[in-house]
């Protein structure tokens, strides 16, 4: 396969392999995303945070960010909790901008080609959908990027050193919690799934 031709190939059709959601990245929802998904599930934002969010620590900036839990129990490196058997369990929701714009977030419109890290020197892509299906125009790709501009990390950060001394902690998900609420969440995380669901249902009905 010709490398120069491949790197400019704008054919794409999702192969439903789930590789992008399951193996390649963590998803960082913004506060609006959390609110919409909590409504989608019919639960409170707090219940959504307990069930589906995790804190990811960046040692270089000493900050925490809110990300979806992974779909690999016990492994918190990459993946999305809503990717099940290669398919998105919340596909019918608004999802994240990143989910809607992929894979075009890796396509450079000015150069009209894929990012170097997205294609190998042999001309193959780690996303098997590229090179399949129809050819997308530059105008279509530009419109998709315009429609979904928040494809990067769209989340609140907190400085960990500061949070140690705050009376009311600002969580990465944007929820202001008192110390008693903080202790409650710590205890909830140690409970079984069945007990968590009972408590979350009680909270949702308050």
C-alpha atoms as a PDB file:
ATOM      1  CA  UNK A   1       0.000   0.000   0.000  1.00  0.00           C
ATOM      2  CA  UNK A   2       1.340   3.446  -0.952  1.00  0.00           C
ATOM      3  CA  UNK A   3       2.078   5.446   2.217  1.00  0.00           C
ATOM      4  CA  UNK A   4       1.468   8.868   0.663  1.00  0.00           C
ATOM      5  CA  UNK A   5      -1.887   7.738  -0.668  1.00  0.00           C
ATOM      6  CA  UNK A   6      -2.888   6.064   2.597  1.00  0.00           C
ATOM      7  CA  UNK A   7      -2.161   9.037   4.825  1.00  0.00           C
ATOM      8  CA  UNK A   8      -4.590  11.135   2.752  1.00  0.00           C
ATOM      9  CA  UNK A   9      -7.251   8.440   2.459  1.00  0.00           C
ATOM     10  CA  UNK A  10     -10.598   9.906   3.619  1.00  0.00           C
ATOM     11  CA  UNK A  11     -12.617   6.702   3.328  1.00  0.00           C
ATOM     12  CA  UNK A  12     -14.110   5.611   6.628  1.00  0.00           C
ATOM     13  CA  UNK A  13     -16.810   3.224   7.802  1.00  0.00           C
ATOM     14  CA  UNK A  14     -17.048   2.038  11.415  1.00  0.00           C
ATOM     15  CA  UNK A  15     -16.292  -1.682  11.709  1.00  0.00           C
ATOM     16  CA  UNK A  16     -17.832  -1.936  15.205  1.00  0.00           C
ATOM     17  CA  UNK A  17     -14.628  -3.425  16.601  1.00  0.00           C
ATOM     18  CA  UNK A  18     -14.756  -1.248  19.730  1.00  0.00           C
ATOM     19  CA  UNK A  19     -10.974  -0.752  19.685  1.00  0.00           C
ATOM     20  CA  UNK A  20     -11.225   3.045  19.966  1.00  0.00           C
ATOM     21  CA  UNK A  21     -13.509   2.858  23.025  1.00  0.00           C
ATOM     22  CA  UNK A  22     -12.145  -0.268  24.653  1.00  0.00           C
ATOM     23  CA  UNK A  23      -8.380   0.013  24.362  1.00  0.00           C
ATOM     24  CA  UNK A  24      -7.083   3.378  23.160  1.00  0.00           C
ATOM     25  CA  UNK A  25      -8.171   6.156  25.512  1.00  0.00           C
ATOM     26  CA  UNK A  26      -9.948   7.345  28.630  1.00  0.00           C
ATOM     27  CA  UNK A  27     -13.060   9.482  28.186  1.00  0.00           C
ATOM     28  CA  UNK A  28     -13.232  12.725  30.168  1.00  0.00           C
ATOM     29  CA  UNK A  29     -16.823  14.010  30.355  1.00  0.00           C
ATOM     30  CA  UNK A  30     -17.638  17.639  31.078  1.00  0.00           C
ATOM     31  CA  UNK A  31     -20.245  18.743  33.610  1.00  0.00           C
ATOM     32  CA  UNK A  32     -22.871  19.132  30.849  1.00  0.00           C
ATOM     33  CA  UNK A  33     -22.112  15.601  29.652  1.00  0.00           C
ATOM     34  CA  UNK A  34     -22.598  14.232  33.161  1.00  0.00           C
ATOM     35  CA  UNK A  35     -25.884  16.097  33.537  1.00  0.00           C
ATOM     36  CA  UNK A  36     -27.234  14.817  30.195  1.00  0.00           C
ATOM     37  CA  UNK A  37     -26.212  11.229  30.857  1.00  0.00           C
ATOM     38  CA  UNK A  38     -27.699  11.273  34.360  1.00  0.00           C
ATOM     39  CA  UNK A  39     -30.972  12.406  32.762  1.00  0.00           C
ATOM     40  CA  UNK A  40     -30.595   9.697  30.107  1.00  0.00           C
ATOM     41  CA  UNK A  41     -30.342   7.025  32.828  1.00  0.00           C
ATOM     42  CA  UNK A  42     -32.999   8.672  34.985  1.00  0.00           C
ATOM     43  CA  UNK A  43     -30.695   8.980  38.011  1.00  0.00           C
ATOM     44  CA  UNK A  44     -29.152  11.850  39.948  1.00  0.00           C
ATOM     45  CA  UNK A  45     -25.756  13.298  39.067  1.00  0.00           C
ATOM     46  CA  UNK A  46     -24.384  11.995  42.360  1.00  0.00           C
ATOM     47  CA  UNK A  47     -25.542   8.445  41.592  1.00  0.00           C
ATOM     48  CA  UNK A  48     -24.061   8.746  38.115  1.00  0.00           C
ATOM     49  CA  UNK A  49     -20.729   9.861  39.575  1.00  0.00           C
ATOM     50  CA  UNK A  50     -20.632   6.960  42.039  1.00  0.00           C
ATOM     51  CA  UNK A  51     -21.503   4.367  39.393  1.00  0.00           C
ATOM     52  CA  UNK A  52     -19.589   5.545  36.349  1.00  0.00           C
ATOM     53  CA  UNK A  53     -16.849   8.070  37.215  1.00  0.00           C
ATOM     54  CA  UNK A  54     -13.327   7.651  38.510  1.00  0.00           C
ATOM     55  CA  UNK A  55     -10.605  10.108  39.443  1.00  0.00           C
ATOM     56  CA  UNK A  56      -7.462  10.086  37.303  1.00  0.00           C
ATOM     57  CA  UNK A  57      -4.346  11.601  38.849  1.00  0.00           C
ATOM     58  CA  UNK A  58      -1.738  13.413  36.762  1.00  0.00           C
ATOM     59  CA  UNK A  59       1.533  13.430  38.742  1.00  0.00           C
ATOM     60  CA  UNK A  60       3.111  15.989  36.396  1.00  0.00           C
ATOM     61  CA  UNK A  61       0.535  18.686  37.195  1.00  0.00           C
ATOM     62  CA  UNK A  62      -0.537  17.339  40.621  1.00  0.00           C
ATOM     63  CA  UNK A  63      -4.188  17.508  39.576  1.00  0.00           C
ATOM     64  CA  UNK A  64      -7.144  15.157  39.374  1.00  0.00           C
ATOM     65  CA  UNK A  65      -9.570  14.800  36.488  1.00  0.00           C
ATOM     66  CA  UNK A  66     -12.932  13.041  36.242  1.00  0.00           C
ATOM     67  CA  UNK A  67     -13.050  10.227  33.690  1.00  0.00           C
ATOM     68  CA  UNK A  68     -15.394   7.371  32.943  1.00  0.00           C
ATOM     69  CA  UNK A  69     -14.449   4.157  34.664  1.00  0.00           C
ATOM     70  CA  UNK A  70     -12.927   1.608  32.320  1.00  0.00           C
ATOM     71  CA  UNK A  71     -14.594  -1.484  30.915  1.00  0.00           C
ATOM     72  CA  UNK A  72     -11.737  -3.576  32.291  1.00  0.00           C
ATOM     73  CA  UNK A  73     -12.488  -4.293  35.988  1.00  0.00           C
ATOM     74  CA  UNK A  74      -9.444  -3.710  38.142  1.00  0.00           C
ATOM     75  CA  UNK A  75      -7.522  -2.029  35.323  1.00  0.00           C
ATOM     76  CA  UNK A  76      -7.735   1.760  35.125  1.00  0.00           C
ATOM     77  CA  UNK A  77      -5.455   2.509  32.198  1.00  0.00           C
ATOM     78  CA  UNK A  78      -7.689   2.803  29.110  1.00  0.00           C
ATOM     79  CA  UNK A  79     -11.188   1.977  27.985  1.00  0.00           C
ATOM     80  CA  UNK A  80     -14.734   3.179  28.604  1.00  0.00           C
ATOM     81  CA  UNK A  81     -17.243   1.559  30.943  1.00  0.00           C
ATOM     82  CA  UNK A  82     -19.970   2.033  28.319  1.00  0.00           C
ATOM     83  CA  UNK A  83     -18.121  -0.052  25.709  1.00  0.00           C
ATOM     84  CA  UNK A  84     -19.606  -3.535  25.982  1.00  0.00           C
ATOM     85  CA  UNK A  85     -18.759  -6.345  23.528  1.00  0.00           C
ATOM     86  CA  UNK A  86     -17.280  -3.786  21.139  1.00  0.00           C
ATOM     87  CA  UNK A  87     -20.446  -1.658  21.046  1.00  0.00           C
ATOM     88  CA  UNK A  88     -21.432   1.572  22.781  1.00  0.00           C
ATOM     89  CA  UNK A  89     -24.129   1.008  25.408  1.00  0.00           C
ATOM     90  CA  UNK A  90     -25.098   4.717  25.335  1.00  0.00           C
ATOM     91  CA  UNK A  91     -25.008   5.161  21.557  1.00  0.00           C
ATOM     92  CA  UNK A  92     -28.557   6.545  21.545  1.00  0.00           C
ATOM     93  CA  UNK A  93     -27.624   9.280  24.047  1.00  0.00           C
ATOM     94  CA  UNK A  94     -25.911  12.561  23.203  1.00  0.00           C
ATOM     95  CA  UNK A  95     -22.544  10.915  24.059  1.00  0.00           C
ATOM     96  CA  UNK A  96     -19.341  12.966  24.202  1.00  0.00           C
ATOM     97  CA  UNK A  97     -18.106  15.239  21.433  1.00  0.00           C
ATOM     98  CA  UNK A  98     -15.051  12.986  21.165  1.00  0.00           C
ATOM     99  CA  UNK A  99     -17.270   9.970  20.498  1.00  0.00           C
ATOM    100  CA  UNK A 100     -19.201  11.802  17.786  1.00  0.00           C
ATOM    101  CA  UNK A 101     -16.194  13.305  16.006  1.00  0.00           C
ATOM    102  CA  UNK A 102     -13.958  10.196  15.990  1.00  0.00           C
ATOM    103  CA  UNK A 103     -11.870   9.398  13.968  1.00  0.00           C
ATOM    104  CA  UNK A 104     -11.799  12.835  12.348  1.00  0.00           C
ATOM    105  CA  UNK A 105     -10.243  14.393  15.459  1.00  0.00           C
ATOM    106  CA  UNK A 106      -7.065  12.696  14.188  1.00  0.00           C
ATOM    107  CA  UNK A 107      -7.388  14.224  10.702  1.00  0.00           C
ATOM    108  CA  UNK A 108      -5.509  17.475   9.954  1.00  0.00           C
ATOM    109  CA  UNK A 109      -7.720  19.574   7.694  1.00  0.00           C
ATOM    110  CA  UNK A 110      -4.961  22.025   6.772  1.00  0.00           C
ATOM    111  CA  UNK A 111      -2.677  19.249   5.520  1.00  0.00           C
ATOM    112  CA  UNK A 112      -5.554  17.080   4.329  1.00  0.00           C
ATOM    113  CA  UNK A 113      -4.058  13.990   5.949  1.00  0.00           C
ATOM    114  CA  UNK A 114      -4.057  11.820   9.069  1.00  0.00           C
ATOM    115  CA  UNK A 115      -1.826  12.525  12.059  1.00  0.00           C
ATOM    116  CA  UNK A 116       1.478  10.682  11.951  1.00  0.00           C
ATOM    117  CA  UNK A 117       0.650   8.760  15.126  1.00  0.00           C
ATOM    118  CA  UNK A 118      -2.523   7.398  13.554  1.00  0.00           C
ATOM    119  CA  UNK A 119      -0.871   5.573  10.664  1.00  0.00           C
ATOM    120  CA  UNK A 120       2.086   3.199  10.526  1.00  0.00           C
ATOM    121  CA  UNK A 121       5.020   3.421   8.138  1.00  0.00           C
ATOM    122  CA  UNK A 122       3.572   0.384   6.323  1.00  0.00           C
ATOM    123  CA  UNK A 123       0.481   2.400   5.472  1.00  0.00           C
ATOM    124  CA  UNK A 124      -1.899   0.715   7.907  1.00  0.00           C
ATOM    125  CA  UNK A 125      -4.113   2.380  10.501  1.00  0.00           C
ATOM    126  CA  UNK A 126      -4.803   1.172  14.016  1.00  0.00           C
ATOM    127  CA  UNK A 127      -8.473   1.953  13.301  1.00  0.00           C
ATOM    128  CA  UNK A 128      -9.651  -0.745  10.840  1.00  0.00           C
ATOM    129  CA  UNK A 129     -12.521   1.441   9.592  1.00  0.00           C
ATOM    130  CA  UNK A 130     -10.180   3.806   7.745  1.00  0.00           C
ATOM    131  CA  UNK A 131      -9.854   2.869   4.107  1.00  0.00           C
ATOM    132  CA  UNK A 132     -13.309   1.254   4.173  1.00  0.00           C
ATOM    133  CA  UNK A 133     -16.634   2.608   2.947  1.00  0.00           C
ATOM    134  CA  UNK A 134     -17.215   5.902   1.172  1.00  0.00           C
ATOM    135  CA  UNK A 135     -14.931   8.902   0.734  1.00  0.00           C
ATOM    136  CA  UNK A 136     -15.724  11.806   3.079  1.00  0.00           C
ATOM    137  CA  UNK A 137     -15.277  15.300   1.711  1.00  0.00           C
ATOM    138  CA  UNK A 138     -13.123  17.889   3.459  1.00  0.00           C
ATOM    139  CA  UNK A 139     -16.283  19.976   3.901  1.00  0.00           C
ATOM    140  CA  UNK A 140     -18.036  17.122   5.730  1.00  0.00           C
ATOM    141  CA  UNK A 141     -15.069  16.585   8.033  1.00  0.00           C
ATOM    142  CA  UNK A 142     -14.831  20.304   8.750  1.00  0.00           C
ATOM    143  CA  UNK A 143     -18.556  20.419   9.584  1.00  0.00           C
ATOM    144  CA  UNK A 144     -18.261  17.463  11.978  1.00  0.00           C
ATOM    145  CA  UNK A 145     -15.399  19.166  13.813  1.00  0.00           C
ATOM    146  CA  UNK A 146     -17.437  22.359  13.981  1.00  0.00           C
ATOM    147  CA  UNK A 147     -20.501  20.521  15.332  1.00  0.00           C
ATOM    148  CA  UNK A 148     -18.479  18.762  18.057  1.00  0.00           C
ATOM    149  CA  UNK A 149     -15.761  21.199  19.179  1.00  0.00           C
ATOM    150  CA  UNK A 150     -15.180  19.764  22.658  1.00  0.00           C
ATOM    151  CA  UNK A 151     -13.295  16.653  21.664  1.00  0.00           C
ATOM    152  CA  UNK A 152     -10.452  17.205  24.134  1.00  0.00           C
ATOM    153  CA  UNK A 153     -10.537  16.944  27.913  1.00  0.00           C
ATOM    154  CA  UNK A 154     -13.601  18.908  28.952  1.00  0.00           C
ATOM    155  CA  UNK A 155     -13.567  18.623  32.717  1.00  0.00           C
ATOM    156  CA  UNK A 156     -12.865  20.511  35.903  1.00  0.00           C
ATOM    157  CA  UNK A 157      -9.540  19.932  37.603  1.00  0.00           C
ATOM    158  CA  UNK A 158      -8.632  20.327  41.247  1.00  0.00           C
ATOM    159  CA  UNK A 159      -5.216  20.852  42.769  1.00  0.00           C
ATOM    160  CA  UNK A 160      -4.661  17.970  45.145  1.00  0.00           C
ATOM    161  CA  UNK A 161      -2.504  19.831  47.666  1.00  0.00           C
ATOM    162  CA  UNK A 162      -5.142  22.537  48.029  1.00  0.00           C
ATOM    163  CA  UNK A 163      -7.978  20.031  48.349  1.00  0.00           C
ATOM    164  CA  UNK A 164      -6.302  18.424  51.366  1.00  0.00           C
ATOM    165  CA  UNK A 165      -6.974  21.534  53.412  1.00  0.00           C
ATOM    166  CA  UNK A 166     -10.384  22.579  52.083  1.00  0.00           C
ATOM    167  CA  UNK A 167     -13.386  22.111  54.348  1.00  0.00           C
ATOM    168  CA  UNK A 168     -15.644  21.624  51.334  1.00  0.00           C
ATOM    169  CA  UNK A 169     -13.886  19.603  48.659  1.00  0.00           C
ATOM    170  CA  UNK A 170     -14.438  20.380  44.979  1.00  0.00           C
ATOM    171  CA  UNK A 171     -14.530  17.020  43.287  1.00  0.00           C
ATOM    172  CA  UNK A 172     -13.261  16.583  39.706  1.00  0.00           C
ATOM    173  CA  UNK A 173     -16.823  15.963  38.573  1.00  0.00           C
ATOM    174  CA  UNK A 174     -17.744  19.429  39.802  1.00  0.00           C
ATOM    175  CA  UNK A 175     -19.741  18.412  42.885  1.00  0.00           C
ATOM    176  CA  UNK A 176     -19.152  20.390  46.071  1.00  0.00           C
ATOM    177  CA  UNK A 177     -19.114  17.902  48.926  1.00  0.00           C
ATOM    178  CA  UNK A 178     -18.973  18.407  52.659  1.00  0.00           C
ATOM    179  CA  UNK A 179     -16.653  16.194  54.642  1.00  0.00           C
ATOM    180  CA  UNK A 180     -19.567  14.019  55.764  1.00  0.00           C
ATOM    181  CA  UNK A 181     -20.636  13.526  52.133  1.00  0.00           C
ATOM    182  CA  UNK A 182     -17.041  12.750  51.222  1.00  0.00           C
ATOM    183  CA  UNK A 183     -16.849  10.076  53.922  1.00  0.00           C
ATOM    184  CA  UNK A 184     -20.178   8.646  52.735  1.00  0.00           C
ATOM    185  CA  UNK A 185     -18.888   8.210  49.189  1.00  0.00           C
ATOM    186  CA  UNK A 186     -15.715   6.540  50.453  1.00  0.00           C
ATOM    187  CA  UNK A 187     -17.878   4.042  52.364  1.00  0.00           C
ATOM    188  CA  UNK A 188     -20.173   3.519  49.360  1.00  0.00           C
ATOM    189  CA  UNK A 189     -17.245   2.500  47.181  1.00  0.00           C
ATOM    190  CA  UNK A 190     -16.512  -0.416  49.498  1.00  0.00           C
ATOM    191  CA  UNK A 191     -20.056  -1.831  49.363  1.00  0.00           C
ATOM    192  CA  UNK A 192     -21.331  -4.582  47.098  1.00  0.00           C
ATOM    193  CA  UNK A 193     -23.087  -3.622  43.855  1.00  0.00           C
ATOM    194  CA  UNK A 194     -26.452  -4.711  45.276  1.00  0.00           C
ATOM    195  CA  UNK A 195     -26.097  -2.510  48.363  1.00  0.00           C
ATOM    196  CA  UNK A 196     -24.865   0.418  46.256  1.00  0.00           C
ATOM    197  CA  UNK A 197     -27.906   0.180  44.009  1.00  0.00           C
ATOM    198  CA  UNK A 198     -30.267   0.213  47.001  1.00  0.00           C
ATOM    199  CA  UNK A 199     -28.600   3.296  48.468  1.00  0.00           C
ATOM    200  CA  UNK A 200     -28.461   5.065  45.083  1.00  0.00           C
ATOM    201  CA  UNK A 201     -32.154   4.365  44.523  1.00  0.00           C
ATOM    202  CA  UNK A 202     -32.888   5.808  47.969  1.00  0.00           C
ATOM    203  CA  UNK A 203     -30.843   8.941  47.130  1.00  0.00           C
ATOM    204  CA  UNK A 204     -32.582   9.341  43.761  1.00  0.00           C
ATOM    205  CA  UNK A 205     -35.976   9.280  45.485  1.00  0.00           C
ATOM    206  CA  UNK A 206     -35.102  11.896  48.105  1.00  0.00           C
END
